[in-house]
Protein backbone atom coordinates (compact mmCIF):
# COMPACT_ATOMS: atom_id res chain seq x y z
CA UNK A 1 7.85 -18.60 2.80
CA UNK A 2 5.25 -16.42 4.23
CA UNK A 3 5.07 -12.73 2.54
CA UNK A 4 4.40 -9.78 4.73
CA UNK A 5 2.38 -6.79 3.62
CA UNK A 6 2.24 -3.24 5.14
CA UNK A 7 -1.22 -2.02 4.79
CA UNK A 8 -1.50 1.87 5.21
CA UNK A 9 -4.83 3.55 5.38
CA UNK A 10 -6.74 6.08 7.79
CA UNK A 11 -9.84 4.06 7.78
CA UNK A 12 -9.92 0.91 10.02
CA UNK A 13 -12.62 -0.50 7.94
CA UNK A 14 -10.71 -0.39 4.81
CA UNK A 15 -7.60 -1.65 6.68
CA UNK A 16 -9.73 -4.75 7.96
CA UNK A 17 -10.87 -5.43 4.56
CA UNK A 18 -7.44 -5.40 2.89
CA UNK A 19 -5.97 -7.41 5.75
CA UNK A 20 -8.86 -9.88 5.25
CA UNK A 21 -8.08 -10.29 1.53
CA UNK A 22 -4.23 -10.34 1.99
CA UNK A 23 -4.53 -13.06 4.62
CA UNK A 24 -6.70 -15.41 2.18
CA UNK A 25 -3.25 -14.96 -0.03
CA UNK A 26 -1.10 -16.19 2.96
CA UNK A 27 0.30 -12.66 3.60
CA UNK A 28 1.10 -11.73 7.24
CA UNK A 29 -0.03 -8.12 7.75
CA UNK A 30 1.36 -5.00 9.51
CA UNK A 31 -0.97 -2.15 9.69
CA UNK A 32 -0.56 1.83 10.15
CA UNK A 33 -3.17 4.61 10.04
CA UNK A 34 -1.00 7.13 8.16
CA UNK A 35 2.25 7.39 6.30
CA UNK A 36 4.36 8.71 9.39
CA UNK A 37 3.24 5.73 11.36
CA UNK A 38 4.21 3.26 8.48
CA UNK A 39 7.62 4.65 8.44
CA UNK A 40 7.91 3.27 11.75
CA UNK A 41 6.79 -0.01 10.88
CA UNK A 42 9.63 -0.81 8.17
CA UNK A 43 11.91 -2.51 10.41
CA UNK A 44 10.34 -5.80 9.38
CA UNK A 45 11.08 -7.45 5.78
CA UNK A 46 8.00 -6.07 3.94
CA UNK A 47 7.06 -7.81 0.40
CA UNK A 48 4.13 -5.57 -0.53
CA UNK A 49 2.71 -2.04 0.55
CA UNK A 50 -0.86 -1.09 -0.11
CA UNK A 51 -1.31 2.58 0.68
CA UNK A 52 -4.24 5.22 0.61
CA UNK A 53 -3.30 8.48 -0.99
CA UNK A 54 -5.44 10.94 1.17
CA UNK A 55 -4.70 10.63 4.99
CA UNK A 56 -3.80 12.79 8.05
CA UNK A 57 -0.33 13.24 9.40
CA UNK A 58 1.38 12.26 6.17
CA UNK A 59 -0.29 11.56 3.00
CA UNK A 60 0.41 8.39 0.81
CA UNK A 61 2.58 10.26 -1.97
CA UNK A 62 4.87 11.51 0.83
CA UNK A 63 5.01 8.33 2.15
CA UNK A 64 5.85 6.55 -1.02
CA UNK A 65 8.68 9.13 -1.69
CA UNK A 66 10.16 8.49 1.89
CA UNK A 67 9.87 4.68 1.50
CA UNK A 68 11.80 4.67 -1.71
CA UNK A 69 14.86 6.33 -0.15
CA UNK A 70 15.30 3.36 2.27
CA UNK A 71 17.53 1.13 0.58
CA UNK A 72 15.67 -2.28 1.34
CA UNK A 73 12.40 -0.67 -0.03
CA UNK A 74 13.58 0.54 -3.43
CA UNK A 75 12.13 -2.26 -5.21
CA UNK A 76 9.09 -3.33 -3.03
CA UNK A 77 5.74 -3.30 -4.85
CA UNK A 78 3.55 -0.07 -3.59
CA UNK A 79 -0.15 -0.26 -4.62
CA UNK A 80 -2.08 2.77 -4.08
CA UNK A 81 -5.75 2.06 -2.87
CA UNK A 82 -7.58 5.34 -3.01
CA UNK A 83 -10.88 7.23 -4.17
CA UNK A 84 -8.68 9.50 -6.26
CA UNK A 85 -9.28 8.87 -9.88
CA UNK A 86 -7.35 11.84 -11.55
CA UNK A 87 -4.65 11.37 -13.95
CA UNK A 88 -2.42 14.01 -12.22
CA UNK A 89 -2.31 12.45 -8.98
CA UNK A 90 -1.87 9.18 -10.57
CA UNK A 91 1.05 10.65 -12.31
CA UNK A 92 2.43 12.06 -9.06
CA UNK A 93 1.96 8.48 -7.23
CA UNK A 94 4.02 7.16 -10.30
CA UNK A 95 6.80 9.45 -9.92
CA UNK A 96 6.86 9.02 -6.27
CA UNK A 97 7.64 5.24 -6.78
CA UNK A 98 4.09 3.54 -6.65
CA UNK A 99 4.00 0.42 -8.71
CA UNK A 100 -0.04 0.39 -9.08
CA UNK A 101 -3.44 1.92 -8.46
CA UNK A 102 -6.96 0.49 -7.43
CA UNK A 103 -9.74 2.76 -6.88
CA UNK A 104 -12.02 2.45 -4.16
CA UNK A 105 -14.55 0.96 -3.81
CA UNK A 106 -12.97 -2.40 -5.05
CA UNK A 107 -14.16 -6.17 -4.94
CA UNK A 108 -11.83 -8.54 -3.15
CA UNK A 109 -11.09 -10.20 -6.27
CA UNK A 110 -9.69 -7.32 -8.06
CA UNK A 111 -7.52 -6.69 -5.04
CA UNK A 112 -6.32 -10.28 -5.45
CA UNK A 113 -5.69 -9.92 -8.91
CA UNK A 114 -3.72 -6.88 -8.71
CA UNK A 115 -1.47 -8.16 -5.85
CA UNK A 116 -1.18 -11.45 -7.90
CA UNK A 117 0.45 -9.46 -10.71
CA UNK A 118 2.73 -7.22 -8.75
CA UNK A 119 3.72 -9.68 -6.01
CA UNK A 120 3.74 -13.10 -7.55
């Protein structure tokens, strides 16, 4: 059965890279430029969310907080993909409900490994 991933990042280049990696893993993908747009994409069954932290309109941490209120999204793995490396922001993301963290820039194999762990 095909899994679906929601990729949320304001950078089209990063979205394209992440989508390319996810497709090699057999995922169907849905894209959004920010958290507010991503909220509108939650109608489909989503098996994985990969989200940037710093975005216009709605940042990634606020998005994850809102995502976790949706009954069907409470247990969905959420990977934060960002340039942020500070422990305080990682702690805020975990408190919001993020499952894991991957720092940009990243190698495709790193993304594959993390996705394999959180969404087998």
